C-alpha cells in the first residue's frame, strides 16, 4: 500500500511543472541591459549558463592502474 501511495505522489508531483514562459513579477522588471548591449536580456538568456559556470570535463580518465607520483603536500595529520 505504501508503494502505491509513494508512486501516486510521485506521478502527481511530476505533473506540477509549469509550461508557461517565465516572466518577472508584476511589481518588478528584468535587469537593465549590460554595458555595451543594445537590449536587456530576456528570461531565457538570463537562465542560460556560460562555459565558466558549467565547464566540461577536460581530464582524461585513466584506463589502467598507474603508480602515483609522490606528493610533497600529502602530509600526515599532526
PDB file of N, CA and C in Angstrom:
ATOM      1  N   UNK A   1       0.817  -1.187   0.000  1.00  0.00           N
ATOM      2  CA  UNK A   1       0.000   0.000   0.000  1.00  0.00           C
ATOM      3  C   UNK A   1       0.868   1.261   0.000  1.00  0.00           C
ATOM      4  N   UNK A   2       1.959   1.228   0.794  1.00  0.00           N
ATOM      5  CA  UNK A   2       2.858   2.382   0.835  1.00  0.00           C
ATOM      6  C   UNK A   2       3.501   2.623  -0.523  1.00  0.00           C
ATOM      7  N   UNK A   3       3.805   1.543  -1.230  1.00  0.00           N
ATOM      8  CA  UNK A   3       4.414   1.677  -2.548  1.00  0.00           C
ATOM      9  C   UNK A   3       3.454   2.359  -3.518  1.00  0.00           C
ATOM     10  N   UNK A   4       2.189   2.015  -3.446  1.00  0.00           N
ATOM     11  CA  UNK A   4       1.173   2.622  -4.323  1.00  0.00           C
ATOM     12  C   UNK A   4       1.021   4.106  -3.997  1.00  0.00           C
ATOM     13  N   UNK A   5       1.012   4.454  -2.730  1.00  0.00           N
ATOM     14  CA  UNK A   5       0.889   5.853  -2.320  1.00  0.00           C
ATOM     15  C   UNK A   5       2.117   6.639  -2.757  1.00  0.00           C
ATOM     16  N   UNK A   6       3.295   6.067  -2.582  1.00  0.00           N
ATOM     17  CA  UNK A   6       4.521   6.749  -3.000  1.00  0.00           C
ATOM     18  C   UNK A   6       4.539   6.945  -4.510  1.00  0.00           C
ATOM     19  N   UNK A   7       4.115   5.946  -5.266  1.00  0.00           N
ATOM     20  CA  UNK A   7       4.081   6.060  -6.724  1.00  0.00           C
ATOM     21  C   UNK A   7       3.070   7.115  -7.165  1.00  0.00           C
ATOM     22  N   UNK A   8       1.902   7.131  -6.545  1.00  0.00           N
ATOM     23  CA  UNK A   8       0.876   8.115  -6.894  1.00  0.00           C
ATOM     24  C   UNK A   8       1.346   9.530  -6.564  1.00  0.00           C
ATOM     25  N   UNK A   9       2.016   9.701  -5.446  1.00  0.00           N
ATOM     26  CA  UNK A   9       2.555  11.010  -5.080  1.00  0.00           C
ATOM     27  C   UNK A   9       3.602  11.461  -6.083  1.00  0.00           C
ATOM     28  N   UNK A  10       4.474  10.548  -6.506  1.00  0.00           N
ATOM     29  CA  UNK A  10       5.498  10.895  -7.480  1.00  0.00           C
ATOM     30  C   UNK A  10       4.885  11.291  -8.814  1.00  0.00           C
ATOM     31  N   UNK A  11       3.839  10.602  -9.236  1.00  0.00           N
ATOM     32  CA  UNK A  11       3.178  10.930 -10.501  1.00  0.00           C
ATOM     33  C   UNK A  11       2.504  12.295 -10.398  1.00  0.00           C
ATOM     34  N   UNK A  12       1.860  12.578  -9.284  1.00  0.00           N
ATOM     35  CA  UNK A  12       1.209  13.872  -9.120  1.00  0.00           C
ATOM     36  C   UNK A  12       2.220  15.011  -9.069  1.00  0.00           C
ATOM     37  N   UNK A  13       3.327  14.801  -8.404  1.00  0.00           N
ATOM     38  CA  UNK A  13       4.353  15.843  -8.338  1.00  0.00           C
ATOM     39  C   UNK A  13       5.022  16.060  -9.688  1.00  0.00           C
ATOM     40  N   UNK A  14       5.125  15.035 -10.501  1.00  0.00           N
ATOM     41  CA  UNK A  14       5.738  15.177 -11.816  1.00  0.00           C
ATOM     42  C   UNK A  14       4.898  16.064 -12.723  1.00  0.00           C
ATOM     43  N   UNK A  15       3.608  16.134 -12.488  1.00  0.00           N
ATOM     44  CA  UNK A  15       2.732  16.961 -13.306  1.00  0.00           C
ATOM     45  C   UNK A  15       2.628  18.395 -12.830  1.00  0.00           C
ATOM     46  N   UNK A  16       3.383  18.785 -11.821  1.00  0.00           N
ATOM     47  CA  UNK A  16       3.265  20.133 -11.265  1.00  0.00           C
ATOM     48  C   UNK A  16       4.091  21.166 -12.019  1.00  0.00           C
ATOM     49  N   UNK A  17       4.907  20.770 -12.966  1.00  0.00           N
ATOM     50  CA  UNK A  17       5.769  21.707 -13.670  1.00  0.00           C
ATOM     51  C   UNK A  17       4.979  22.681 -14.511  1.00  0.00           C
ATOM     52  N   UNK A  18       5.438  23.914 -14.569  1.00  0.00           N
ATOM     53  CA  UNK A  18       4.771  24.947 -15.348  1.00  0.00           C
ATOM     54  C   UNK A  18       5.343  24.970 -16.759  1.00  0.00           C
ATOM     55  N   UNK A  19       4.493  25.063 -17.752  1.00  0.00           N
ATOM     56  CA  UNK A  19       4.920  25.119 -19.148  1.00  0.00           C
ATOM     57  C   UNK A  19       4.861  26.532 -19.709  1.00  0.00           C
ATOM     58  N   UNK A  20       4.412  27.502 -18.936  1.00  0.00           N
ATOM     59  CA  UNK A  20       4.299  28.879 -19.407  1.00  0.00           C
ATOM     60  C   UNK A  20       5.679  29.532 -19.408  1.00  0.00           C
ATOM     61  N   UNK A  21       5.927  30.484 -20.283  1.00  0.00           N
ATOM     62  CA  UNK A  21       7.215  31.176 -20.288  1.00  0.00           C
ATOM     63  C   UNK A  21       7.408  31.985 -19.006  1.00  0.00           C
ATOM     64  N   UNK A  22       8.642  32.148 -18.612  1.00  0.00           N
ATOM     65  CA  UNK A  22       8.936  32.874 -17.378  1.00  0.00           C
ATOM     66  C   UNK A  22       8.759  34.373 -17.596  1.00  0.00           C
ATOM     67  N   UNK A  23       8.179  35.025 -16.640  1.00  0.00           N
ATOM     68  CA  UNK A  23       8.028  36.477 -16.663  1.00  0.00           C
ATOM     69  C   UNK A  23       8.340  36.998 -15.269  1.00  0.00           C
ATOM     70  N   UNK A  24       8.837  38.230 -15.182  1.00  0.00           N
ATOM     71  CA  UNK A  24       9.113  38.781 -13.849  1.00  0.00           C
ATOM     72  C   UNK A  24       7.809  39.078 -13.124  1.00  0.00           C
ATOM     73  N   UNK A  25       7.833  39.136 -11.808  1.00  0.00           N
ATOM     74  CA  UNK A  25       6.632  39.510 -11.063  1.00  0.00           C
ATOM     75  C   UNK A  25       6.129  40.894 -11.497  1.00  0.00           C
ATOM     76  N   UNK A  26       4.858  41.167 -11.266  1.00  0.00           N
ATOM     77  CA  UNK A  26       4.240  42.396 -11.739  1.00  0.00           C
ATOM     78  C   UNK A  26       4.878  43.651 -11.154  1.00  0.00           C
ATOM     79  N   UNK A  27       5.387  43.576  -9.934  1.00  0.00           N
ATOM     80  CA  UNK A  27       5.939  44.767  -9.291  1.00  0.00           C
ATOM     81  C   UNK A  27       7.394  45.032  -9.685  1.00  0.00           C
ATOM     82  N   UNK A  28       8.040  44.108 -10.395  1.00  0.00           N
ATOM     83  CA  UNK A  28       9.443  44.277 -10.769  1.00  0.00           C
ATOM     84  C   UNK A  28       9.601  44.127 -12.278  1.00  0.00           C
ATOM     85  N   UNK A  29      10.823  44.370 -12.738  1.00  0.00           N
ATOM     86  CA  UNK A  29      11.128  44.197 -14.156  1.00  0.00           C
ATOM     87  C   UNK A  29      12.437  43.432 -14.283  1.00  0.00           C
ATOM     88  N   UNK A  30      12.790  43.094 -15.514  1.00  0.00           N
ATOM     89  CA  UNK A  30      14.054  42.407 -15.756  1.00  0.00           C
ATOM     90  C   UNK A  30      15.212  43.356 -15.485  1.00  0.00           C
ATOM     91  N   UNK A  31      16.411  42.833 -15.236  1.00  0.00           N
ATOM     92  CA  UNK A  31      17.559  43.712 -15.005  1.00  0.00           C
ATOM     93  C   UNK A  31      17.850  44.567 -16.228  1.00  0.00           C
ATOM     94  N   UNK A  32      18.552  45.667 -16.003  1.00  0.00           N
ATOM     95  CA  UNK A  32      18.909  46.555 -17.110  1.00  0.00           C
ATOM     96  C   UNK A  32      19.895  45.860 -18.035  1.00  0.00           C
ATOM     97  N   UNK A  33      20.029  46.381 -19.231  1.00  0.00           N
ATOM     98  CA  UNK A  33      20.942  45.794 -20.217  1.00  0.00           C
ATOM     99  C   UNK A  33      22.379  45.950 -19.746  1.00  0.00           C
ATOM    100  N   UNK A  34      23.221  44.934 -19.942  1.00  0.00           N
ATOM    101  CA  UNK A  34      24.630  45.055 -19.571  1.00  0.00           C
ATOM    102  C   UNK A  34      25.320  46.120 -20.420  1.00  0.00           C
ATOM    103  N   UNK A  35      26.455  46.574 -19.952  1.00  0.00           N
ATOM    104  CA  UNK A  35      27.202  47.610 -20.662  1.00  0.00           C
ATOM    105  C   UNK A  35      27.560  47.121 -22.061  1.00  0.00           C
ATOM    106  N   UNK A  36      27.199  47.873 -23.065  1.00  0.00           N
ATOM    107  CA  UNK A  36      27.508  47.525 -24.443  1.00  0.00           C
ATOM    108  C   UNK A  36      26.413  46.762 -25.149  1.00  0.00           C
ATOM    109  N   UNK A  37      25.402  46.289 -24.433  1.00  0.00           N
ATOM    110  CA  UNK A  37      24.299  45.557 -25.062  1.00  0.00           C
ATOM    111  C   UNK A  37      23.239  46.547 -25.524  1.00  0.00           C
ATOM    112  N   UNK A  38      22.559  46.195 -26.612  1.00  0.00           N
ATOM    113  CA  UNK A  38      21.538  47.094 -27.137  1.00  0.00           C
ATOM    114  C   UNK A  38      20.184  46.883 -26.475  1.00  0.00           C
ATOM    115  N   UNK A  39      19.923  45.691 -25.965  1.00  0.00           N
ATOM    116  CA  UNK A  39      18.636  45.391 -25.345  1.00  0.00           C
ATOM    117  C   UNK A  39      18.867  44.563 -24.091  1.00  0.00           C
ATOM    118  N   UNK A  40      17.954  44.680 -23.117  1.00  0.00           N
ATOM    119  CA  UNK A  40      18.106  43.847 -21.914  1.00  0.00           C
ATOM    120  C   UNK A  40      17.868  42.380 -22.248  1.00  0.00           C
ATOM    121  N   UNK A  41      18.537  41.458 -21.545  1.00  0.00           N
ATOM    122  CA  UNK A  41      18.336  40.031 -21.809  1.00  0.00           C
ATOM    123  C   UNK A  41      16.951  39.575 -21.355  1.00  0.00           C
ATOM    124  N   UNK A  42      16.397  38.601 -22.070  1.00  0.00           N
ATOM    125  CA  UNK A  42      15.101  38.064 -21.661  1.00  0.00           C
ATOM    126  C   UNK A  42      15.316  36.969 -20.625  1.00  0.00           C
ATOM    127  N   UNK A  43      14.248  36.361 -20.149  1.00  0.00           N
ATOM    128  CA  UNK A  43      14.340  35.373 -19.072  1.00  0.00           C
ATOM    129  C   UNK A  43      15.146  34.149 -19.494  1.00  0.00           C
ATOM    130  N   UNK A  44      14.986  33.683 -20.740  1.00  0.00           N
ATOM    131  CA  UNK A  44      15.732  32.514 -21.196  1.00  0.00           C
ATOM    132  C   UNK A  44      17.226  32.798 -21.266  1.00  0.00           C
ATOM    133  N   UNK A  45      17.600  33.989 -21.692  1.00  0.00           N
ATOM    134  CA  UNK A  45      19.018  34.344 -21.748  1.00  0.00           C
ATOM    135  C   UNK A  45      19.611  34.464 -20.352  1.00  0.00           C
ATOM    136  N   UNK A  46      18.814  34.923 -19.390  1.00  0.00           N
ATOM    137  CA  UNK A  46      19.313  35.025 -18.018  1.00  0.00           C
ATOM    138  C   UNK A  46      19.501  33.659 -17.374  1.00  0.00           C
ATOM    139  N   UNK A  47      18.743  32.654 -17.809  1.00  0.00           N
ATOM    140  CA  UNK A  47      18.857  31.316 -17.236  1.00  0.00           C
ATOM    141  C   UNK A  47      19.959  30.492 -17.886  1.00  0.00           C
ATOM    142  N   UNK A  48      20.450  30.893 -19.056  1.00  0.00           N
ATOM    143  CA  UNK A  48      21.493  30.141 -19.755  1.00  0.00           C
ATOM    144  C   UNK A  48      22.828  30.319 -19.025  1.00  0.00           C
ATOM    145  N   UNK A  49      23.501  29.206 -18.765  1.00  0.00           N
ATOM    146  CA  UNK A  49      24.790  29.259 -18.077  1.00  0.00           C
ATOM    147  C   UNK A  49      25.908  29.399 -19.099  1.00  0.00           C
ATOM    148  N   UNK A  50      26.903  30.198 -18.773  1.00  0.00           N
ATOM    149  CA  UNK A  50      28.049  30.310 -19.663  1.00  0.00           C
ATOM    150  C   UNK A  50      29.036  29.182 -19.393  1.00  0.00           C
ATOM    151  N   UNK A  51      30.061  29.094 -20.200  1.00  0.00           N
ATOM    152  CA  UNK A  51      31.002  27.973 -20.112  1.00  0.00           C
ATOM    153  C   UNK A  51      31.741  27.952 -18.780  1.00  0.00           C
ATOM    154  N   UNK A  52      31.987  29.100 -18.189  1.00  0.00           N
ATOM    155  CA  UNK A  52      32.703  29.124 -16.915  1.00  0.00           C
ATOM    156  C   UNK A  52      31.834  28.633 -15.766  1.00  0.00           C
ATOM    157  N   UNK A  53      30.527  28.786 -15.874  1.00  0.00           N
ATOM    158  CA  UNK A  53      29.633  28.339 -14.811  1.00  0.00           C
ATOM    159  C   UNK A  53      29.465  26.826 -14.822  1.00  0.00           C
ATOM    160  N   UNK A  54      29.577  26.208 -15.989  1.00  0.00           N
ATOM    161  CA  UNK A  54      29.424  24.754 -16.106  1.00  0.00           C
ATOM    162  C   UNK A  54      30.485  24.222 -17.064  1.00  0.00           C
ATOM    163  N   UNK A  55      31.750  24.179 -16.639  1.00  0.00           N
ATOM    164  CA  UNK A  55      32.796  23.727 -17.554  1.00  0.00           C
ATOM    165  C   UNK A  55      32.681  22.239 -17.854  1.00  0.00           C
ATOM    166  N   UNK A  56      33.101  21.877 -19.049  1.00  0.00           N
ATOM    167  CA  UNK A  56      33.108  20.464 -19.401  1.00  0.00           C
ATOM    168  C   UNK A  56      34.346  19.812 -18.808  1.00  0.00           C
ATOM    169  N   UNK A  57      34.267  18.537 -18.606  1.00  0.00           N
ATOM    170  CA  UNK A  57      35.389  17.813 -18.033  1.00  0.00           C
ATOM    171  C   UNK A  57      36.502  17.721 -19.068  1.00  0.00           C
ATOM    172  N   UNK A  58      37.692  18.169 -18.697  1.00  0.00           N
ATOM    173  CA  UNK A  58      38.802  18.162 -19.634  1.00  0.00           C
ATOM    174  C   UNK A  58      39.884  17.167 -19.233  1.00  0.00           C
ATOM    175  N   UNK A  59      39.626  16.372 -18.216  1.00  0.00           N
ATOM    176  CA  UNK A  59      40.609  15.427 -17.729  1.00  0.00           C
ATOM    177  C   UNK A  59      40.318  14.050 -18.337  1.00  0.00           C
ATOM    178  N   UNK A  60      41.321  13.452 -18.900  1.00  0.00           N
ATOM    179  CA  UNK A  60      41.125  12.110 -19.444  1.00  0.00           C
ATOM    180  C   UNK A  60      41.181  11.102 -18.302  1.00  0.00           C
ATOM    181  N   UNK A  61      40.200  10.244 -18.256  1.00  0.00           N
ATOM    182  CA  UNK A  61      40.168   9.233 -17.206  1.00  0.00           C
ATOM    183  C   UNK A  61      41.259   8.198 -17.452  1.00  0.00           C
ATOM    184  N   UNK A  62      41.795   7.681 -16.398  1.00  0.00           N
ATOM    185  CA  UNK A  62      42.846   6.664 -16.542  1.00  0.00           C
ATOM    186  C   UNK A  62      42.224   5.348 -16.958  1.00  0.00           C
ATOM    187  N   UNK A  63      42.843   4.705 -17.910  1.00  0.00           N
ATOM    188  CA  UNK A  63      42.321   3.452 -18.432  1.00  0.00           C
ATOM    189  C   UNK A  63      42.961   2.244 -17.752  1.00  0.00           C
ATOM    190  N   UNK A  64      44.088   2.431 -17.104  1.00  0.00           N
ATOM    191  CA  UNK A  64      44.739   1.329 -16.410  1.00  0.00           C
ATOM    192  C   UNK A  64      45.380   1.881 -15.135  1.00  0.00           C
ATOM    193  N   UNK A  65      45.720   1.001 -14.237  1.00  0.00           N
ATOM    194  CA  UNK A  65      46.337   1.426 -12.987  1.00  0.00           C
ATOM    195  C   UNK A  65      47.721   1.974 -13.250  1.00  0.00           C
ATOM    196  N   UNK A  66      48.007   3.102 -12.639  1.00  0.00           N
ATOM    197  CA  UNK A  66      49.333   3.703 -12.748  1.00  0.00           C
ATOM    198  C   UNK A  66      49.798   4.094 -11.356  1.00  0.00           C
ATOM    199  N   UNK A  67      51.069   4.021 -11.146  1.00  0.00           N
ATOM    200  CA  UNK A  67      51.653   4.399  -9.870  1.00  0.00           C
ATOM    201  C   UNK A  67      51.584   5.914  -9.721  1.00  0.00           C
ATOM    202  N   UNK A  68      51.089   6.384  -8.587  1.00  0.00           N
ATOM    203  CA  UNK A  68      51.009   7.824  -8.365  1.00  0.00           C
ATOM    204  C   UNK A  68      52.378   8.397  -8.062  1.00  0.00           C
ATOM    205  N   UNK A  69      52.574   9.641  -8.504  1.00  0.00           N
ATOM    206  CA  UNK A  69      53.819  10.328  -8.189  1.00  0.00           C
ATOM    207  C   UNK A  69      53.768  10.811  -6.749  1.00  0.00           C
ATOM    208  N   UNK A  70      54.928  11.001  -6.154  1.00  0.00           N
ATOM    209  CA  UNK A  70      54.991  11.443  -4.783  1.00  0.00           C
ATOM    210  C   UNK A  70      54.470  12.880  -4.675  1.00  0.00           C
ATOM    211  N   UNK A  71      53.586  13.113  -3.716  1.00  0.00           N
ATOM    212  CA  UNK A  71      53.011  14.437  -3.500  1.00  0.00           C
ATOM    213  C   UNK A  71      53.652  15.039  -2.253  1.00  0.00           C
ATOM    214  N   UNK A  72      54.441  16.113  -2.394  1.00  0.00           N
ATOM    215  CA  UNK A  72      55.112  16.689  -1.215  1.00  0.00           C
ATOM    216  C   UNK A  72      54.156  17.345  -0.237  1.00  0.00           C
ATOM    217  N   UNK A  73      52.928  17.635  -0.665  1.00  0.00           N
ATOM    218  CA  UNK A  73      51.959  18.294   0.228  1.00  0.00           C
ATOM    219  C   UNK A  73      51.037  17.296   0.915  1.00  0.00           C
ATOM    220  N   UNK A  74      51.166  16.009   0.633  1.00  0.00           N
ATOM    221  CA  UNK A  74      50.348  14.983   1.268  1.00  0.00           C
ATOM    222  C   UNK A  74      51.021  14.586   2.583  1.00  0.00           C
ATOM    223  N   UNK A  75      50.768  15.375   3.603  1.00  0.00           N
ATOM    224  CA  UNK A  75      51.412  15.169   4.903  1.00  0.00           C
ATOM    225  C   UNK A  75      50.443  14.509   5.867  1.00  0.00           C
ATOM    226  N   UNK A  76      50.946  13.695   6.799  1.00  0.00           N
ATOM    227  CA  UNK A  76      50.065  13.065   7.779  1.00  0.00           C
ATOM    228  C   UNK A  76      49.536  14.120   8.762  1.00  0.00           C
ATOM    229  N   UNK A  77      48.374  13.864   9.357  1.00  0.00           N
ATOM    230  CA  UNK A  77      47.849  14.828  10.334  1.00  0.00           C
ATOM    231  C   UNK A  77      48.752  14.904  11.554  1.00  0.00           C
ATOM    232  N   UNK A  78      48.743  16.058  12.169  1.00  0.00           N
ATOM    233  CA  UNK A  78      49.581  16.241  13.350  1.00  0.00           C
ATOM    234  C   UNK A  78      48.907  15.762  14.588  1.00  0.00           C
TER     235      UNK A  78
END
